[in-house]
Structures are given as C-alpha cells and as structure tokens.
Amino acid sequence: MFGKILNFRFHSVSEAKLAASFCSEKFGSKISEFDIVGLNVFIGQSGDLNVSIKFENADSLNKFEDNYKF
C-alpha cells in the first residue's frame, strides 16, 4: 500500500473545516480515477488539517502526483 499525506495549518478551526470540506469533495470525486483505496481527513483543535490518501500500487500514486502538484 502506498500513500500521500498532506498537512495544512490554518488560523482557526472554522477555516480548517472549510478546507476539509473542499478536500473531501475534491479528492473524493477522484476515487475511481486514481484508484484511491483510503481517504481520511482530520481536523485538529488548533486549526491543523491532515489529509491521508492511500493507493493500492505505486502507479496509482504516481498518476495522482502527476495531476496534483504540491
């Protein structure tokens, strides 16, 4: 299993919630296109946002990274 972890920091929890909604919708709509097998979005009390995306194989991860430059 392969994964990509994205970490963001916001000034408030409300900003992190807004970003979490965006990430959930954006990455959730790409589950079949990139063969995503797991998607977790965590919001911390201090405004941290962590997105964990899991893939079955390296090709799926590479395809995802080619389309989303971070």
PDB file of N, CA and C in Angstrom:
ATOM      1  N   MET A   1       0.852  -1.173   0.000  1.00  0.00           N
ATOM      2  CA  MET A   1       0.000   0.000   0.000  1.00  0.00           C
ATOM      3  C   MET A   1       0.899   1.238   0.000  1.00  0.00           C
ATOM      4  N   PHE A   2       0.481   2.245  -0.737  1.00  0.00           N
ATOM      5  CA  PHE A   2       1.223   3.492  -0.873  1.00  0.00           C
ATOM      6  C   PHE A   2       0.324   4.650  -0.454  1.00  0.00           C
ATOM      7  N   GLY A   3       0.937   5.728   0.001  1.00  0.00           N
ATOM      8  CA  GLY A   3       0.119   6.834   0.480  1.00  0.00           C
ATOM      9  C   GLY A   3       0.744   8.190   0.255  1.00  0.00           C
ATOM     10  N   LYS A   4      -0.118   9.170   0.344  1.00  0.00           N
ATOM     11  CA  LYS A   4       0.271  10.584   0.259  1.00  0.00           C
ATOM     12  C   LYS A   4      -0.369  11.284   1.441  1.00  0.00           C
ATOM     13  N   ILE A   5       0.416  12.024   2.197  1.00  0.00           N
ATOM     14  CA  ILE A   5      -0.103  12.757   3.349  1.00  0.00           C
ATOM     15  C   ILE A   5       0.102  14.243   3.101  1.00  0.00           C
ATOM     16  N   LEU A   6      -0.975  14.994   3.248  1.00  0.00           N
ATOM     17  CA  LEU A   6      -0.937  16.444   3.080  1.00  0.00           C
ATOM     18  C   LEU A   6      -1.237  17.086   4.427  1.00  0.00           C
ATOM     19  N   ASN A   7      -0.423  18.031   4.844  1.00  0.00           N
ATOM     20  CA  ASN A   7      -0.606  18.737   6.105  1.00  0.00           C
ATOM     21  C   ASN A   7      -0.775  20.224   5.831  1.00  0.00           C
ATOM     22  N   PHE A   8      -1.830  20.788   6.423  1.00  0.00           N
ATOM     23  CA  PHE A   8      -2.105  22.219   6.287  1.00  0.00           C
ATOM     24  C   PHE A   8      -2.317  22.812   7.671  1.00  0.00           C
ATOM     25  N   ARG A   9      -2.013  24.076   7.817  1.00  0.00           N
ATOM     26  CA  ARG A   9      -2.226  24.780   9.077  1.00  0.00           C
ATOM     27  C   ARG A   9      -3.016  26.054   8.793  1.00  0.00           C
ATOM     28  N   PHE A  10      -4.091  26.246   9.561  1.00  0.00           N
ATOM     29  CA  PHE A  10      -4.953  27.411   9.393  1.00  0.00           C
ATOM     30  C   PHE A  10      -5.009  28.200  10.696  1.00  0.00           C
ATOM     31  N   HIS A  11      -5.499  29.409  10.612  1.00  0.00           N
ATOM     32  CA  HIS A  11      -5.568  30.281  11.787  1.00  0.00           C
ATOM     33  C   HIS A  11      -6.667  29.857  12.755  1.00  0.00           C
ATOM     34  N   SER A  12      -7.695  29.182  12.245  1.00  0.00           N
ATOM     35  CA  SER A  12      -8.802  28.784  13.121  1.00  0.00           C
ATOM     36  C   SER A  12      -9.364  27.441  12.677  1.00  0.00           C
ATOM     37  N   VAL A  13     -10.117  26.824  13.565  1.00  0.00           N
ATOM     38  CA  VAL A  13     -10.763  25.555  13.265  1.00  0.00           C
ATOM     39  C   VAL A  13     -11.812  25.738  12.165  1.00  0.00           C
ATOM     40  N   SER A  14     -12.489  26.880  12.167  1.00  0.00           N
ATOM     41  CA  SER A  14     -13.513  27.110  11.137  1.00  0.00           C
ATOM     42  C   SER A  14     -12.894  27.161   9.737  1.00  0.00           C
ATOM     43  N   GLU A  15     -11.712  27.733   9.608  1.00  0.00           N
ATOM     44  CA  GLU A  15     -11.022  27.737   8.320  1.00  0.00           C
ATOM     45  C   GLU A  15     -10.620  26.320   7.928  1.00  0.00           C
ATOM     46  N   ALA A  16     -10.153  25.545   8.900  1.00  0.00           N
ATOM     47  CA  ALA A  16      -9.769  24.155   8.644  1.00  0.00           C
ATOM     48  C   ALA A  16     -10.981  23.326   8.225  1.00  0.00           C
ATOM     49  N   LYS A  17     -12.133  23.589   8.828  1.00  0.00           N
ATOM     50  CA  LYS A  17     -13.356  22.870   8.454  1.00  0.00           C
ATOM     51  C   LYS A  17     -13.745  23.169   7.012  1.00  0.00           C
ATOM     52  N   LEU A  18     -13.616  24.403   6.618  1.00  0.00           N
ATOM     53  CA  LEU A  18     -13.925  24.787   5.245  1.00  0.00           C
ATOM     54  C   LEU A  18     -12.983  24.077   4.265  1.00  0.00           C
ATOM     55  N   ALA A  19     -11.707  24.059   4.591  1.00  0.00           N
ATOM     56  CA  ALA A  19     -10.724  23.384   3.739  1.00  0.00           C
ATOM     57  C   ALA A  19     -10.959  21.873   3.721  1.00  0.00           C
ATOM     58  N   ALA A  20     -11.358  21.304   4.853  1.00  0.00           N
ATOM     59  CA  ALA A  20     -11.637  19.868   4.922  1.00  0.00           C
ATOM     60  C   ALA A  20     -12.791  19.502   4.001  1.00  0.00           C
ATOM     61  N   SER A  21     -13.802  20.333   3.972  1.00  0.00           N
ATOM     62  CA  SER A  21     -14.940  20.113   3.089  1.00  0.00           C
ATOM     63  C   SER A  21     -14.497  20.128   1.628  1.00  0.00           C
ATOM     64  N   PHE A  22     -13.662  21.093   1.279  1.00  0.00           N
ATOM     65  CA  PHE A  22     -13.140  21.194  -0.078  1.00  0.00           C
ATOM     66  C   PHE A  22     -12.314  19.959  -0.436  1.00  0.00           C
ATOM     67  N   CYS A  23     -11.402  19.561   0.458  1.00  0.00           N
ATOM     68  CA  CYS A  23     -10.542  18.396   0.193  1.00  0.00           C
ATOM     69  C   CYS A  23     -11.358  17.115   0.062  1.00  0.00           C
ATOM     70  N   SER A  24     -12.338  16.943   0.926  1.00  0.00           N
ATOM     71  CA  SER A  24     -13.179  15.755   0.869  1.00  0.00           C
ATOM     72  C   SER A  24     -13.903  15.665  -0.462  1.00  0.00           C
ATOM     73  N   GLU A  25     -14.446  16.776  -0.897  1.00  0.00           N
ATOM     74  CA  GLU A  25     -15.178  16.796  -2.165  1.00  0.00           C
ATOM     75  C   GLU A  25     -14.239  16.617  -3.348  1.00  0.00           C
ATOM     76  N   LYS A  26     -13.119  17.338  -3.339  1.00  0.00           N
ATOM     77  CA  LYS A  26     -12.180  17.313  -4.459  1.00  0.00           C
ATOM     78  C   LYS A  26     -11.551  15.928  -4.637  1.00  0.00           C
ATOM     79  N   PHE A  27     -10.996  15.376  -3.561  1.00  0.00           N
ATOM     80  CA  PHE A  27     -10.333  14.082  -3.652  1.00  0.00           C
ATOM     81  C   PHE A  27     -11.339  12.937  -3.682  1.00  0.00           C
ATOM     82  N   GLY A  28     -12.457  13.091  -3.008  1.00  0.00           N
ATOM     83  CA  GLY A  28     -13.488  12.059  -3.010  1.00  0.00           C
ATOM     84  C   GLY A  28     -14.068  11.822  -4.387  1.00  0.00           C
ATOM     85  N   SER A  29     -14.138  12.865  -5.185  1.00  0.00           N
ATOM     86  CA  SER A  29     -14.675  12.718  -6.544  1.00  0.00           C
ATOM     87  C   SER A  29     -13.681  12.035  -7.486  1.00  0.00           C
ATOM     88  N   LYS A  30     -12.448  11.834  -7.042  1.00  0.00           N
ATOM     89  CA  LYS A  30     -11.404  11.225  -7.876  1.00  0.00           C
ATOM     90  C   LYS A  30     -11.053   9.806  -7.443  1.00  0.00           C
ATOM     91  N   ILE A  31     -11.871   9.202  -6.603  1.00  0.00           N
ATOM     92  CA  ILE A  31     -11.559   7.873  -6.059  1.00  0.00           C
ATOM     93  C   ILE A  31     -11.374   6.848  -7.166  1.00  0.00           C
ATOM     94  N   SER A  32     -12.302   6.755  -8.089  1.00  0.00           N
ATOM     95  CA  SER A  32     -12.189   5.743  -9.149  1.00  0.00           C
ATOM     96  C   SER A  32     -11.120   6.118 -10.180  1.00  0.00           C
ATOM     97  N   GLU A  33     -10.958   7.413 -10.455  1.00  0.00           N
ATOM     98  CA  GLU A  33      -9.978   7.843 -11.461  1.00  0.00           C
ATOM     99  C   GLU A  33      -8.546   7.503 -11.055  1.00  0.00           C
ATOM    100  N   PHE A  34      -8.217   7.643  -9.775  1.00  0.00           N
ATOM    101  CA  PHE A  34      -6.851   7.401  -9.303  1.00  0.00           C
ATOM    102  C   PHE A  34      -6.721   6.133  -8.466  1.00  0.00           C
ATOM    103  N   ASP A  35      -7.745   5.290  -8.448  1.00  0.00           N
ATOM    104  CA  ASP A  35      -7.720   4.031  -7.686  1.00  0.00           C
ATOM    105  C   ASP A  35      -7.379   4.265  -6.216  1.00  0.00           C
ATOM    106  N   ILE A  36      -8.037   5.240  -5.614  1.00  0.00           N
ATOM    107  CA  ILE A  36      -7.840   5.546  -4.195  1.00  0.00           C
ATOM    108  C   ILE A  36      -8.559   4.485  -3.366  1.00  0.00           C
ATOM    109  N   VAL A  37      -7.849   3.880  -2.405  1.00  0.00           N
ATOM    110  CA  VAL A  37      -8.458   2.854  -1.557  1.00  0.00           C
ATOM    111  C   VAL A  37      -8.751   3.377  -0.150  1.00  0.00           C
ATOM    112  N   GLY A  38      -8.232   4.553   0.194  1.00  0.00           N
ATOM    113  CA  GLY A  38      -8.497   5.139   1.501  1.00  0.00           C
ATOM    114  C   GLY A  38      -8.320   6.643   1.475  1.00  0.00           C
ATOM    115  N   LEU A  39      -9.248   7.330   2.133  1.00  0.00           N
ATOM    116  CA  LEU A  39      -9.184   8.791   2.216  1.00  0.00           C
ATOM    117  C   LEU A  39      -9.615   9.200   3.613  1.00  0.00           C
ATOM    118  N   ASN A  40      -8.713   9.829   4.357  1.00  0.00           N
ATOM    119  CA  ASN A  40      -9.007  10.291   5.713  1.00  0.00           C
ATOM    120  C   ASN A  40      -8.680  11.773   5.819  1.00  0.00           C
ATOM    121  N   VAL A  41      -9.596  12.507   6.421  1.00  0.00           N
ATOM    122  CA  VAL A  41      -9.407  13.940   6.638  1.00  0.00           C
ATOM    123  C   VAL A  41      -9.564  14.206   8.130  1.00  0.00           C
ATOM    124  N   PHE A  42      -8.519  14.743   8.754  1.00  0.00           N
ATOM    125  CA  PHE A  42      -8.517  15.018  10.184  1.00  0.00           C
ATOM    126  C   PHE A  42      -8.351  16.510  10.433  1.00  0.00           C
ATOM    127  N   ILE A  43      -9.162  17.023  11.345  1.00  0.00           N
ATOM    128  CA  ILE A  43      -9.079  18.432  11.740  1.00  0.00           C
ATOM    129  C   ILE A  43      -8.630  18.483  13.189  1.00  0.00           C
ATOM    130  N   GLY A  44      -7.546  19.209  13.448  1.00  0.00           N
ATOM    131  CA  GLY A  44      -7.046  19.367  14.804  1.00  0.00           C
ATOM    132  C   GLY A  44      -7.673  20.561  15.496  1.00  0.00           C
ATOM    133  N   GLN A  45      -7.605  20.592  16.814  1.00  0.00           N
ATOM    134  CA  GLN A  45      -8.199  21.663  17.607  1.00  0.00           C
ATOM    135  C   GLN A  45      -7.525  23.009  17.393  1.00  0.00           C
ATOM    136  N   SER A  46      -6.292  22.995  16.907  1.00  0.00           N
ATOM    137  CA  SER A  46      -5.577  24.256  16.709  1.00  0.00           C
ATOM    138  C   SER A  46      -5.615  24.735  15.256  1.00  0.00           C
ATOM    139  N   GLY A  47      -6.477  24.120  14.425  1.00  0.00           N
ATOM    140  CA  GLY A  47      -6.601  24.547  13.038  1.00  0.00           C
ATOM    141  C   GLY A  47      -5.749  23.760  12.072  1.00  0.00           C
ATOM    142  N   ASP A  48      -5.210  22.629  12.518  1.00  0.00           N
ATOM    143  CA  ASP A  48      -4.435  21.767  11.633  1.00  0.00           C
ATOM    144  C   ASP A  48      -5.377  20.910  10.798  1.00  0.00           C
ATOM    145  N   LEU A  49      -4.991  20.643   9.571  1.00  0.00           N
ATOM    146  CA  LEU A  49      -5.755  19.762   8.689  1.00  0.00           C
ATOM    147  C   LEU A  49      -4.786  18.757   8.095  1.00  0.00           C
ATOM    148  N   ASN A  50      -5.076  17.479   8.273  1.00  0.00           N
ATOM    149  CA  ASN A  50      -4.249  16.411   7.729  1.00  0.00           C
ATOM    150  C   ASN A  50      -5.107  15.554   6.812  1.00  0.00           C
ATOM    151  N   VAL A  51      -4.641  15.374   5.592  1.00  0.00           N
ATOM    152  CA  VAL A  51      -5.350  14.551   4.611  1.00  0.00           C
ATOM    153  C   VAL A  51      -4.442  13.380   4.258  1.00  0.00           C
ATOM    154  N   SER A  52      -4.955  12.174   4.435  1.00  0.00           N
ATOM    155  CA  SER A  52      -4.218  10.960   4.125  1.00  0.00           C
ATOM    156  C   SER A  52      -4.932  10.244   2.981  1.00  0.00           C
ATOM    157  N   ILE A  53      -4.197   9.997   1.911  1.00  0.00           N
ATOM    158  CA  ILE A  53      -4.756   9.340   0.731  1.00  0.00           C
ATOM    159  C   ILE A  53      -3.949   8.070   0.484  1.00  0.00           C
ATOM    160  N   LYS A  54      -4.642   6.929   0.411  1.00  0.00           N
ATOM    161  CA  LYS A  54      -3.964   5.644   0.234  1.00  0.00           C
ATOM    162  C   LYS A  54      -4.288   5.044  -1.131  1.00  0.00           C
ATOM    163  N   PHE A  55      -3.262   4.409  -1.701  1.00  0.00           N
ATOM    164  CA  PHE A  55      -3.365   3.806  -3.024  1.00  0.00           C
ATOM    165  C   PHE A  55      -2.927   2.348  -2.953  1.00  0.00           C
ATOM    166  N   GLU A  56      -3.458   1.550  -3.846  1.00  0.00           N
ATOM    167  CA  GLU A  56      -3.135   0.117  -3.875  1.00  0.00           C
ATOM    168  C   GLU A  56      -1.733  -0.131  -4.425  1.00  0.00           C
ATOM    169  N   ASN A  57      -1.297   0.699  -5.389  1.00  0.00           N
ATOM    170  CA  ASN A  57       0.011   0.468  -6.009  1.00  0.00           C
ATOM    171  C   ASN A  57       0.700   1.796  -6.331  1.00  0.00           C
ATOM    172  N   ALA A  58       1.974   1.694  -6.672  1.00  0.00           N
ATOM    173  CA  ALA A  58       2.792   2.887  -6.935  1.00  0.00           C
ATOM    174  C   ALA A  58       2.339   3.618  -8.198  1.00  0.00           C
ATOM    175  N   ASP A  59       1.834   2.897  -9.185  1.00  0.00           N
ATOM    176  CA  ASP A  59       1.379   3.546 -10.415  1.00  0.00           C
ATOM    177  C   ASP A  59       0.226   4.504 -10.138  1.00  0.00           C
ATOM    178  N   SER A  60      -0.687   4.096  -9.268  1.00  0.00           N
ATOM    179  CA  SER A  60      -1.818   4.960  -8.912  1.00  0.00           C
ATOM    180  C   SER A  60      -1.338   6.217  -8.193  1.00  0.00           C
ATOM    181  N   LEU A  61      -0.378   6.056  -7.281  1.00  0.00           N
ATOM    182  CA  LEU A  61       0.196   7.194  -6.563  1.00  0.00           C
ATOM    183  C   LEU A  61       0.886   8.146  -7.531  1.00  0.00           C
ATOM    184  N   ASN A  62       1.673   7.600  -8.440  1.00  0.00           N
ATOM    185  CA  ASN A  62       2.381   8.436  -9.417  1.00  0.00           C
ATOM    186  C   ASN A  62       1.409   9.190 -10.323  1.00  0.00           C
ATOM    187  N   LYS A  63       0.344   8.529 -10.737  1.00  0.00           N
ATOM    188  CA  LYS A  63      -0.678   9.181 -11.563  1.00  0.00           C
ATOM    189  C   LYS A  63      -1.320  10.333 -10.803  1.00  0.00           C
ATOM    190  N   PHE A  64      -1.597  10.114  -9.519  1.00  0.00           N
ATOM    191  CA  PHE A  64      -2.171  11.156  -8.683  1.00  0.00           C
ATOM    192  C   PHE A  64      -1.220  12.342  -8.551  1.00  0.00           C
ATOM    193  N   GLU A  65       0.053  12.053  -8.251  1.00  0.00           N
ATOM    194  CA  GLU A  65       1.041  13.120  -8.068  1.00  0.00           C
ATOM    195  C   GLU A  65       1.296  13.892  -9.362  1.00  0.00           C
ATOM    196  N   ASP A  66       1.206  13.239 -10.509  1.00  0.00           N
ATOM    197  CA  ASP A  66       1.375  13.937 -11.783  1.00  0.00           C
ATOM    198  C   ASP A  66       0.246  14.938 -12.034  1.00  0.00           C
ATOM    199  N   ASN A  67      -0.937  14.636 -11.527  1.00  0.00           N
ATOM    200  CA  ASN A  67      -2.095  15.500 -11.749  1.00  0.00           C
ATOM    201  C   ASN A  67      -2.255  16.581 -10.686  1.00  0.00           C
ATOM    202  N   TYR A  68      -1.712  16.347  -9.493  1.00  0.00           N
ATOM    203  CA  TYR A  68      -1.806  17.311  -8.393  1.00  0.00           C
ATOM    204  C   TYR A  68      -0.396  17.658  -7.930  1.00  0.00           C
ATOM    205  N   LYS A  69       0.112  18.748  -8.390  1.00  0.00           N
ATOM    206  CA  LYS A  69       1.453  19.209  -7.984  1.00  0.00           C
ATOM    207  C   LYS A  69       1.352  19.938  -6.662  1.00  0.00           C
ATOM    208  N   PHE A  70       2.101  19.471  -5.664  1.00  0.00           N
ATOM    209  CA  PHE A  70       2.076  20.086  -4.328  1.00  0.00           C
ATOM    210  C   PHE A  70       3.395  20.737  -4.043  1.00  0.00           C
TER     211      PHE A  70
END
